Protein backbone atom coordinates (compact mmCIF):
# COMPACT_ATOMS: atom_id res chain seq x y z
CA MET A 1 108.07 141.17 143.72
CA ARG A 2 104.91 139.10 143.38
CA GLU A 3 102.90 142.18 142.46
CA ARG A 4 105.42 143.06 139.78
CA LEU A 5 105.24 139.59 138.26
CA THR A 6 101.46 139.63 138.30
CA GLU A 7 101.45 143.07 136.70
CA ARG A 8 103.84 141.98 133.94
CA MET A 9 101.80 138.86 133.19
CA THR A 10 98.58 140.87 133.05
CA GLU A 11 100.22 143.35 130.70
CA GLN A 12 101.41 140.61 128.38
CA LEU A 13 97.98 138.98 128.30
CA ARG A 14 96.35 142.27 127.37
CA ASP A 15 98.85 142.86 124.56
CA GLU A 16 98.42 139.36 123.13
CA ARG A 17 95.98 139.83 120.26
CA GLY A 18 97.26 137.14 117.95
CA ASP A 19 97.93 137.44 114.27
CA VAL A 20 94.38 138.06 113.04
CA PRO A 21 95.33 139.75 109.75
CA GLY A 22 97.60 136.81 108.94
CA TRP A 23 94.83 134.28 109.52
CA VAL A 24 92.40 136.34 107.46
CA LEU A 25 94.90 136.44 104.61
CA ILE A 26 95.50 132.68 104.80
CA THR A 27 91.75 132.02 104.80
CA LEU A 28 91.12 134.27 101.81
CA MET A 29 94.03 132.80 99.86
CA THR A 30 92.83 129.26 100.57
CA ALA A 31 89.31 130.14 99.43
CA GLY A 32 90.76 131.70 96.27
CA LEU A 33 92.80 128.59 95.51
CA VAL A 34 89.76 126.36 96.01
CA ILE A 35 87.73 128.50 93.61
CA VAL A 36 90.47 128.46 90.95
CA ILE A 37 91.08 124.71 91.23
CA TRP A 38 87.36 124.01 91.20
CA GLY A 39 86.94 126.18 88.12
CA LEU A 40 89.71 124.35 86.28
CA ALA A 41 89.02 120.80 87.42
CA GLY A 42 85.23 120.98 87.82
CA PRO A 43 84.28 120.08 84.24
CA ALA A 44 86.81 117.23 84.12
CA LEU A 45 85.61 115.83 87.44
CA SER A 46 82.02 116.11 86.32
CA GLY A 47 82.85 114.15 83.17
CA VAL A 48 84.62 111.43 85.16
CA PHE A 49 81.64 111.21 87.54
CA ASP A 50 79.13 110.98 84.68
CA GLN A 51 81.24 108.31 82.98
CA ALA A 52 81.48 106.26 86.21
CA ILE A 53 77.74 106.49 86.84
CA GLY A 54 77.09 105.50 83.23
CA ARG A 55 79.26 102.41 83.60
CA VAL A 56 77.56 101.42 86.85
CA LEU A 57 74.10 101.84 85.32
CA GLY A 58 75.16 100.12 82.10
CA PHE A 59 74.83 103.02 79.64
């Protein structure tokens, strides 16, 4: 009985590969969203930053 349990556990561990394609998809989608948001908000954020620096420096 112990051998059978050990054999089943070993089999399950070998079959456990995880959900690699799912994680790859999530990573790529997240990177895509960051690129799109950065592309849309980048100029606005740059303007806000320049304006804040200008106020601090007194321009």
